[in-house]
Amino acid sequence: MTALPYLSPALAPIHPDWETVLRAPAVFRRLAAIDRQLNELAAQGKTLFPARENIFNALRFAAPADVKVVILGQDPYHGDGEAMGLSFSVPSGVRVPPSLRNIYKELAADLGGGQAADGDLTHWASQGVLLLNSVLTVEKDKAGSHGKLGWQEVTDALIDAVNRQNPGCVFLLWGNWAQGKADRIDAARHLVLTAAHPSPLSASRGFHGCRHFSQVNAWLAARGRATVQWNRQALQNSLF
């Protein structure tokens, strides 16, 4: 991917099956156009998130065929030190953002246990949860600022790869941006669950009480697939 000087550091560690998707001619042309725009913005002194090497962080953990759950976000967090290339996730030590706090509240109400104090969701990603945003970059302090760069064409291709290659997984579509991808998903093979976005502006209108986490695990278990240990402590206990 040497033709993409801005994006190449992010592409280096991704799973080769994802690289095949991104190398498809139409997708690669779009990536090249995005790359040029990001280079121009960086040259203007704009601060862009996430760090270049984390733009495709979500694609490092599992091949499209091995994904268990897809959680679609909107675009990366736009504050200093927050975005890490995984939707809804922030690095350890960073204050848990309001949307993720609501996710944790629903998780506790659904499956029990306390609410996590740490916002790093890498332990979800490492179990096959694809934490993908619809738009993969953003300018500092400007939410939605890269919504017209063309990222949706790229993330559509990534979702299409899961839809085609995966024998059956769960898509969690929270909010209008994510639900706009629903017509790309074969609901005969995959489970599609929808709810309001977990943002404080909308969580009370159908996110709280959705019980998606238990539904995911029931569906996976019924098909003989390993369930997701959503709680980090439960995951750690299962390893010993």
C-alpha atoms as a PDB file:
ATOM      1  CA  MET A   1       0.000   0.000   0.000  1.00  0.00           C
ATOM      2  CA  THR A   2       2.935   2.320  -0.624  1.00  0.00           C
ATOM      3  CA  ALA A   3       0.705   4.546  -2.772  1.00  0.00           C
ATOM      4  CA  LEU A   4      -0.995   5.737   0.425  1.00  0.00           C
ATOM      5  CA  PRO A   5       1.627   7.674   2.399  1.00  0.00           C
ATOM      6  CA  TYR A   6      -0.755   8.912   5.080  1.00  0.00           C
ATOM      7  CA  LEU A   7      -2.696   5.680   5.566  1.00  0.00           C
ATOM      8  CA  SER A   8       0.099   3.138   5.077  1.00  0.00           C
ATOM      9  CA  PRO A   9       1.134   3.006   8.774  1.00  0.00           C
ATOM     10  CA  ALA A  10      -2.444   2.062   9.653  1.00  0.00           C
ATOM     11  CA  LEU A  11      -2.635  -0.664   7.024  1.00  0.00           C
ATOM     12  CA  ALA A  12       0.564  -2.475   7.921  1.00  0.00           C
ATOM     13  CA  PRO A  13      -0.736  -4.681  10.796  1.00  0.00           C
ATOM     14  CA  ILE A  14      -4.256  -5.508   9.576  1.00  0.00           C
ATOM     15  CA  HIS A  15      -5.422  -9.040   8.835  1.00  0.00           C
ATOM     16  CA  PRO A  16      -4.566  -9.998   5.215  1.00  0.00           C
ATOM     17  CA  ASP A  17      -8.208 -10.808   4.447  1.00  0.00           C
ATOM     18  CA  TRP A  18      -9.105  -7.195   5.197  1.00  0.00           C
ATOM     19  CA  GLU A  19      -6.209  -5.984   3.065  1.00  0.00           C
ATOM     20  CA  THR A  20      -7.700  -7.920   0.147  1.00  0.00           C
ATOM     21  CA  VAL A  21     -10.926  -5.954   0.596  1.00  0.00           C
ATOM     22  CA  LEU A  22      -9.076  -2.643   0.701  1.00  0.00           C
ATOM     23  CA  ARG A  23      -7.023  -3.524  -2.378  1.00  0.00           C
ATOM     24  CA  ALA A  24     -10.117  -4.010  -4.534  1.00  0.00           C
ATOM     25  CA  PRO A  25      -9.775  -1.379  -7.304  1.00  0.00           C
ATOM     26  CA  ALA A  26     -12.811   0.753  -6.466  1.00  0.00           C
ATOM     27  CA  VAL A  27     -12.070   0.747  -2.729  1.00  0.00           C
ATOM     28  CA  PHE A  28      -8.386   1.479  -3.254  1.00  0.00           C
ATOM     29  CA  ARG A  29      -9.215   4.434  -5.506  1.00  0.00           C
ATOM     30  CA  ARG A  30     -11.420   5.833  -2.757  1.00  0.00           C
ATOM     31  CA  LEU A  31      -8.683   5.261  -0.171  1.00  0.00           C
ATOM     32  CA  ALA A  32      -6.212   7.100  -2.389  1.00  0.00           C
ATOM     33  CA  ALA A  33      -8.571  10.075  -2.599  1.00  0.00           C
ATOM     34  CA  ILE A  34      -9.040  10.058   1.186  1.00  0.00           C
ATOM     35  CA  ASP A  35      -5.289   9.761   1.664  1.00  0.00           C
ATOM     36  CA  ARG A  36      -4.687  12.883  -0.427  1.00  0.00           C
ATOM     37  CA  GLN A  37      -7.242  14.835   1.585  1.00  0.00           C
ATOM     38  CA  LEU A  38      -5.757  13.726   4.900  1.00  0.00           C
ATOM     39  CA  ASN A  39      -2.287  14.688   3.727  1.00  0.00           C
ATOM     40  CA  GLU A  40      -3.553  18.116   2.750  1.00  0.00           C
ATOM     41  CA  LEU A  41      -5.268  18.631   6.102  1.00  0.00           C
ATOM     42  CA  ALA A  42      -2.172  17.522   8.002  1.00  0.00           C
ATOM     43  CA  ALA A  43      -0.032  19.900   5.911  1.00  0.00           C
ATOM     44  CA  GLN A  44      -2.367  22.721   6.924  1.00  0.00           C
ATOM     45  CA  GLY A  45      -1.591  21.969  10.564  1.00  0.00           C
ATOM     46  CA  LYS A  46      -4.904  20.285  11.348  1.00  0.00           C
ATOM     47  CA  THR A  47      -4.870  17.781  14.192  1.00  0.00           C
ATOM     48  CA  LEU A  48      -6.509  14.553  13.054  1.00  0.00           C
ATOM     49  CA  PHE A  49      -7.730  11.602  15.109  1.00  0.00           C
ATOM     50  CA  PRO A  50      -7.038   8.779  15.637  1.00  0.00           C
ATOM     51  CA  ALA A  51      -3.261   8.565  15.254  1.00  0.00           C
ATOM     52  CA  ARG A  52      -2.388   7.315  11.775  1.00  0.00           C
ATOM     53  CA  GLU A  53      -1.282   3.897  12.969  1.00  0.00           C
ATOM     54  CA  ASN A  54      -4.681   3.335  14.644  1.00  0.00           C
ATOM     55  CA  ILE A  55      -7.034   4.305  11.824  1.00  0.00           C
ATOM     56  CA  PHE A  56      -7.635   0.645  10.924  1.00  0.00           C
ATOM     57  CA  ASN A  57      -7.178  -0.697  14.446  1.00  0.00           C
ATOM     58  CA  ALA A  58     -10.539  -2.508  14.242  1.00  0.00           C
ATOM     59  CA  LEU A  59      -9.189  -4.717  11.434  1.00  0.00           C
ATOM     60  CA  ARG A  60      -6.283  -6.168  13.411  1.00  0.00           C
ATOM     61  CA  PHE A  61      -8.103  -8.750  15.479  1.00  0.00           C
ATOM     62  CA  ALA A  62     -10.198 -11.096  13.314  1.00  0.00           C
ATOM     63  CA  ALA A  63     -10.714 -11.902   9.660  1.00  0.00           C
ATOM     64  CA  PRO A  64     -14.134 -11.067   8.165  1.00  0.00           C
ATOM     65  CA  ALA A  65     -15.140 -14.742   8.354  1.00  0.00           C
ATOM     66  CA  ASP A  66     -14.254 -14.957  12.061  1.00  0.00           C
ATOM     67  CA  VAL A  67     -16.113 -11.892  13.343  1.00  0.00           C
ATOM     68  CA  LYS A  68     -18.757 -12.738  15.945  1.00  0.00           C
ATOM     69  CA  VAL A  69     -20.327  -9.329  16.437  1.00  0.00           C
ATOM     70  CA  VAL A  70     -20.236  -6.042  14.535  1.00  0.00           C
ATOM     71  CA  ILE A  71     -20.846  -2.842  16.504  1.00  0.00           C
ATOM     72  CA  LEU A  72     -21.116   0.154  14.191  1.00  0.00           C
ATOM     73  CA  GLY A  73     -20.319   3.603  15.504  1.00  0.00           C
ATOM     74  CA  GLN A  74     -20.435   6.975  13.767  1.00  0.00           C
ATOM     75  CA  ASP A  75     -17.028   8.652  13.708  1.00  0.00           C
ATOM     76  CA  PRO A  76     -14.037   8.737  16.102  1.00  0.00           C
ATOM     77  CA  TYR A  77     -13.972  10.732  19.317  1.00  0.00           C
ATOM     78  CA  HIS A  78     -12.605  14.192  18.588  1.00  0.00           C
ATOM     79  CA  GLY A  79     -10.951  15.061  21.908  1.00  0.00           C
ATOM     80  CA  ASP A  80      -7.270  14.746  22.750  1.00  0.00           C
ATOM     81  CA  GLY A  81      -6.219  11.195  23.619  1.00  0.00           C
ATOM     82  CA  GLU A  82      -9.633   9.604  23.090  1.00  0.00           C
ATOM     83  CA  ALA A  83      -9.836   7.970  19.643  1.00  0.00           C
ATOM     84  CA  MET A  84      -8.074   4.628  19.257  1.00  0.00           C
ATOM     85  CA  GLY A  85      -9.625   3.196  16.089  1.00  0.00           C
ATOM     86  CA  LEU A  86     -12.246   1.084  17.888  1.00  0.00           C
ATOM     87  CA  SER A  87     -15.805   2.401  17.942  1.00  0.00           C
ATOM     88  CA  PHE A  88     -16.926   3.653  21.370  1.00  0.00           C
ATOM     89  CA  SER A  89     -13.545   2.718  22.938  1.00  0.00           C
ATOM     90  CA  VAL A  90     -10.966   4.981  24.595  1.00  0.00           C
ATOM     91  CA  PRO A  91      -7.493   4.074  25.882  1.00  0.00           C
ATOM     92  CA  SER A  92      -7.088   2.950  29.476  1.00  0.00           C
ATOM     93  CA  GLY A  93      -6.875   5.899  31.828  1.00  0.00           C
ATOM     94  CA  VAL A  94      -9.026   8.180  29.673  1.00  0.00           C
ATOM     95  CA  ARG A  95     -12.361   9.285  31.125  1.00  0.00           C
ATOM     96  CA  VAL A  96     -15.179   7.016  29.946  1.00  0.00           C
ATOM     97  CA  PRO A  97     -17.259   9.044  27.454  1.00  0.00           C
ATOM     98  CA  PRO A  98     -21.027   9.466  27.982  1.00  0.00           C
ATOM     99  CA  SER A  99     -22.084   7.047  25.198  1.00  0.00           C
ATOM    100  CA  LEU A 100     -19.830   4.317  26.560  1.00  0.00           C
ATOM    101  CA  ARG A 101     -21.110   4.962  30.087  1.00  0.00           C
ATOM    102  CA  ASN A 102     -24.604   4.246  28.778  1.00  0.00           C
ATOM    103  CA  ILE A 103     -23.353   1.090  27.067  1.00  0.00           C
ATOM    104  CA  TYR A 104     -21.880  -0.045  30.376  1.00  0.00           C
ATOM    105  CA  LYS A 105     -25.153   0.759  32.176  1.00  0.00           C
ATOM    106  CA  GLU A 106     -27.093  -1.383  29.714  1.00  0.00           C
ATOM    107  CA  LEU A 107     -24.533  -4.171  29.966  1.00  0.00           C
ATOM    108  CA  ALA A 108     -24.840  -4.208  33.770  1.00  0.00           C
ATOM    109  CA  ALA A 109     -28.645  -4.138  33.602  1.00  0.00           C
ATOM    110  CA  ASP A 110     -28.663  -6.937  31.041  1.00  0.00           C
ATOM    111  CA  LEU A 111     -26.035  -9.331  32.376  1.00  0.00           C
ATOM    112  CA  GLY A 112     -25.438  -8.133  35.924  1.00  0.00           C
ATOM    113  CA  GLY A 113     -22.196  -7.071  37.548  1.00  0.00           C
ATOM    114  CA  GLY A 114     -20.837  -3.626  38.155  1.00  0.00           C
ATOM    115  CA  GLN A 115     -20.086  -0.948  35.618  1.00  0.00           C
ATOM    116  CA  ALA A 116     -16.538  -0.886  34.265  1.00  0.00           C
ATOM    117  CA  ALA A 117     -14.365   2.082  35.159  1.00  0.00           C
ATOM    118  CA  ASP A 118     -12.073   1.611  32.152  1.00  0.00           C
ATOM    119  CA  GLY A 119     -13.106   2.519  28.608  1.00  0.00           C
ATOM    120  CA  ASP A 120     -10.684   0.347  26.640  1.00  0.00           C
ATOM    121  CA  LEU A 121     -12.730  -2.207  24.666  1.00  0.00           C
ATOM    122  CA  THR A 122      -9.765  -4.098  23.234  1.00  0.00           C
ATOM    123  CA  HIS A 123     -10.922  -7.148  25.206  1.00  0.00           C
ATOM    124  CA  TRP A 124     -14.094  -7.124  23.084  1.00  0.00           C
ATOM    125  CA  ALA A 125     -12.152  -6.773  19.844  1.00  0.00           C
ATOM    126  CA  SER A 126      -9.818  -9.614  20.804  1.00  0.00           C
ATOM    127  CA  GLN A 127     -12.851 -11.935  21.041  1.00  0.00           C
ATOM    128  CA  GLY A 128     -14.074 -11.172  17.540  1.00  0.00           C
ATOM    129  CA  VAL A 129     -16.177  -8.057  18.101  1.00  0.00           C
ATOM    130  CA  LEU A 130     -15.619  -5.719  15.148  1.00  0.00           C
ATOM    131  CA  LEU A 131     -15.752  -2.205  16.598  1.00  0.00           C
ATOM    132  CA  LEU A 132     -16.084  -0.251  13.370  1.00  0.00           C
ATOM    133  CA  ASN A 133     -16.984   3.385  12.840  1.00  0.00           C
ATOM    134  CA  SER A 134     -18.774   4.475   9.650  1.00  0.00           C
ATOM    135  CA  VAL A 135     -16.201   7.257   9.239  1.00  0.00           C
ATOM    136  CA  LEU A 136     -12.653   6.467  10.339  1.00  0.00           C
ATOM    137  CA  THR A 137     -11.074   9.902  10.917  1.00  0.00           C
ATOM    138  CA  VAL A 138     -12.047  13.255  12.374  1.00  0.00           C
ATOM    139  CA  GLU A 139     -10.547  16.695  12.982  1.00  0.00           C
ATOM    140  CA  LYS A 140      -9.834  17.707  16.555  1.00  0.00           C
ATOM    141  CA  ASP A 141     -12.867  19.214  18.302  1.00  0.00           C
ATOM    142  CA  LYS A 142     -15.028  18.933  15.160  1.00  0.00           C
ATOM    143  CA  ALA A 143     -17.406  16.007  15.391  1.00  0.00           C
ATOM    144  CA  GLY A 144     -18.508  14.741  11.983  1.00  0.00           C
ATOM    145  CA  SER A 145     -15.918  16.861  10.187  1.00  0.00           C
ATOM    146  CA  HIS A 146     -14.775  14.021   7.898  1.00  0.00           C
ATOM    147  CA  GLY A 147     -18.239  12.811   7.026  1.00  0.00           C
ATOM    148  CA  LYS A 148     -17.802  13.872   3.383  1.00  0.00           C
ATOM    149  CA  LEU A 149     -14.293  12.503   2.794  1.00  0.00           C
ATOM    150  CA  GLY A 150     -15.641   9.263   1.336  1.00  0.00           C
ATOM    151  CA  TRP A 151     -15.080   6.883   4.225  1.00  0.00           C
ATOM    152  CA  GLN A 152     -18.582   5.430   3.939  1.00  0.00           C
ATOM    153  CA  GLU A 153     -17.669   3.745   0.653  1.00  0.00           C
ATOM    154  CA  VAL A 154     -14.745   2.062   2.402  1.00  0.00           C
ATOM    155  CA  THR A 155     -16.681   0.941   5.468  1.00  0.00           C
ATOM    156  CA  ASP A 156     -19.515  -0.289   3.251  1.00  0.00           C
ATOM    157  CA  ALA A 157     -16.985  -2.597   1.578  1.00  0.00           C
ATOM    158  CA  LEU A 158     -15.795  -3.838   4.973  1.00  0.00           C
ATOM    159  CA  ILE A 159     -19.348  -4.584   6.069  1.00  0.00           C
ATOM    160  CA  ASP A 160     -20.029  -6.288   2.743  1.00  0.00           C
ATOM    161  CA  ALA A 161     -17.008  -8.540   3.332  1.00  0.00           C
ATOM    162  CA  VAL A 162     -18.406  -9.690   6.679  1.00  0.00           C
ATOM    163  CA  ASN A 163     -21.828 -10.149   5.155  1.00  0.00           C
ATOM    164  CA  ARG A 164     -20.441 -12.340   2.340  1.00  0.00           C
ATOM    165  CA  GLN A 165     -17.668 -14.273   4.067  1.00  0.00           C
ATOM    166  CA  ASN A 166     -19.003 -14.829   7.578  1.00  0.00           C
ATOM    167  CA  PRO A 167     -21.196 -17.881   8.175  1.00  0.00           C
ATOM    168  CA  GLY A 168     -23.302 -15.983  10.669  1.00  0.00           C
ATOM    169  CA  CYS A 169     -22.683 -13.149  13.137  1.00  0.00           C
ATOM    170  CA  VAL A 170     -24.618 -10.455  14.988  1.00  0.00           C
ATOM    171  CA  PHE A 171     -24.836  -6.861  13.783  1.00  0.00           C
ATOM    172  CA  LEU A 172     -25.659  -4.312  16.503  1.00  0.00           C
ATOM    173  CA  LEU A 173     -26.969  -1.201  14.765  1.00  0.00           C
ATOM    174  CA  TRP A 174     -27.297   1.598  17.286  1.00  0.00           C
ATOM    175  CA  GLY A 175     -28.604   4.873  15.921  1.00  0.00           C
ATOM    176  CA  ASN A 176     -29.479   6.163  12.471  1.00  0.00           C
ATOM    177  CA  TRP A 177     -25.965   6.105  11.004  1.00  0.00           C
ATOM    178  CA  ALA A 178     -25.546   2.427  11.787  1.00  0.00           C
ATOM    179  CA  GLN A 179     -29.086   1.502  10.809  1.00  0.00           C
ATOM    180  CA  GLY A 180     -28.454   3.042   7.406  1.00  0.00           C
ATOM    181  CA  LYS A 181     -26.233   0.000   6.706  1.00  0.00           C
ATOM    182  CA  ALA A 182     -29.003  -2.520   7.431  1.00  0.00           C
ATOM    183  CA  ASP A 183     -29.895  -3.128   3.786  1.00  0.00           C
ATOM    184  CA  ARG A 184     -26.342  -4.417   3.188  1.00  0.00           C
ATOM    185  CA  ILE A 185     -26.829  -7.295   5.631  1.00  0.00           C
ATOM    186  CA  ASP A 186     -28.349 -10.693   4.828  1.00  0.00           C
ATOM    187  CA  ALA A 187     -30.763 -11.116   7.725  1.00  0.00           C
ATOM    188  CA  ALA A 188     -31.369 -14.729   6.731  1.00  0.00           C
ATOM    189  CA  ARG A 189     -27.837 -15.641   7.856  1.00  0.00           C
ATOM    190  CA  HIS A 190     -27.003 -12.913  10.344  1.00  0.00           C
ATOM    191  CA  LEU A 191     -28.838 -11.555  13.369  1.00  0.00           C
ATOM    192  CA  VAL A 192     -29.527  -7.833  13.088  1.00  0.00           C
ATOM    193  CA  LEU A 193     -30.428  -5.986  16.297  1.00  0.00           C
ATOM    194  CA  THR A 194     -31.314  -2.292  16.265  1.00  0.00           C
ATOM    195  CA  ALA A 195     -31.688   0.294  19.007  1.00  0.00           C
ATOM    196  CA  ALA A 196     -31.351   4.000  19.583  1.00  0.00           C
ATOM    197  CA  HIS A 197     -27.837   5.378  19.796  1.00  0.00           C
ATOM    198  CA  PRO A 198     -26.349   5.184  23.322  1.00  0.00           C
ATOM    199  CA  SER A 199     -25.657   8.917  23.334  1.00  0.00           C
ATOM    200  CA  PRO A 200     -27.261  10.744  26.290  1.00  0.00           C
ATOM    201  CA  LEU A 201     -29.394  12.553  23.699  1.00  0.00           C
ATOM    202  CA  SER A 202     -31.114   9.356  22.598  1.00  0.00           C
ATOM    203  CA  ALA A 203     -30.323   6.447  24.950  1.00  0.00           C
ATOM    204  CA  SER A 204     -33.611   6.821  26.818  1.00  0.00           C
ATOM    205  CA  ARG A 205     -35.521   6.404  23.537  1.00  0.00           C
ATOM    206  CA  GLY A 206     -34.779   2.713  23.103  1.00  0.00           C
ATOM    207  CA  PHE A 207     -31.178   1.925  23.928  1.00  0.00           C
ATOM    208  CA  HIS A 208     -31.692   1.360  27.637  1.00  0.00           C
ATOM    209  CA  GLY A 209     -33.548  -1.892  27.978  1.00  0.00           C
ATOM    210  CA  CYS A 210     -32.582  -3.282  24.559  1.00  0.00           C
ATOM    211  CA  ARG A 211     -30.828  -6.296  26.175  1.00  0.00           C
ATOM    212  CA  HIS A 212     -28.595  -6.765  23.167  1.00  0.00           C
ATOM    213  CA  PHE A 213     -25.661  -8.298  25.035  1.00  0.00           C
ATOM    214  CA  SER A 214     -27.615 -11.304  26.311  1.00  0.00           C
ATOM    215  CA  GLN A 215     -29.292 -11.721  22.912  1.00  0.00           C
ATOM    216  CA  VAL A 216     -25.887 -11.824  21.209  1.00  0.00           C
ATOM    217  CA  ASN A 217     -24.643 -14.581  23.479  1.00  0.00           C
ATOM    218  CA  ALA A 218     -27.851 -16.620  23.240  1.00  0.00           C
ATOM    219  CA  TRP A 219     -27.685 -16.497  19.441  1.00  0.00           C
ATOM    220  CA  LEU A 220     -23.987 -17.432  19.319  1.00  0.00           C
ATOM    221  CA  ALA A 221     -24.435 -20.273  21.812  1.00  0.00           C
ATOM    222  CA  ALA A 222     -27.368 -21.691  19.851  1.00  0.00           C
ATOM    223  CA  ARG A 223     -25.049 -21.962  16.849  1.00  0.00           C
ATOM    224  CA  GLY A 224     -22.184 -23.546  18.720  1.00  0.00           C
ATOM    225  CA  ARG A 225     -19.992 -20.453  18.711  1.00  0.00           C
ATOM    226  CA  ALA A 226     -18.115 -19.167  21.730  1.00  0.00           C
ATOM    227  CA  THR A 227     -19.992 -16.398  23.486  1.00  0.00           C
ATOM    228  CA  VAL A 228     -18.507 -12.975  24.206  1.00  0.00           C
ATOM    229  CA  GLN A 229     -17.197 -12.265  27.697  1.00  0.00           C
ATOM    230  CA  TRP A 230     -18.365  -8.664  27.767  1.00  0.00           C
ATOM    231  CA  ASN A 231     -17.070  -8.011  31.271  1.00  0.00           C
ATOM    232  CA  ARG A 232     -13.273  -7.765  31.424  1.00  0.00           C
ATOM    233  CA  GLN A 233     -13.113  -9.364  34.866  1.00  0.00           C
ATOM    234  CA  ALA A 234     -15.249 -12.286  33.691  1.00  0.00           C
ATOM    235  CA  LEU A 235     -12.916 -12.727  30.738  1.00  0.00           C
ATOM    236  CA  GLN A 236      -9.858 -12.703  32.969  1.00  0.00           C
ATOM    237  CA  ASN A 237     -11.452 -15.238  35.322  1.00  0.00           C
ATOM    238  CA  SER A 238     -12.233 -17.544  32.379  1.00  0.00           C
ATOM    239  CA  LEU A 239      -8.551 -17.682  31.456  1.00  0.00           C
ATOM    240  CA  PHE A 240      -7.457 -19.106  34.817  1.00  0.00           C
END
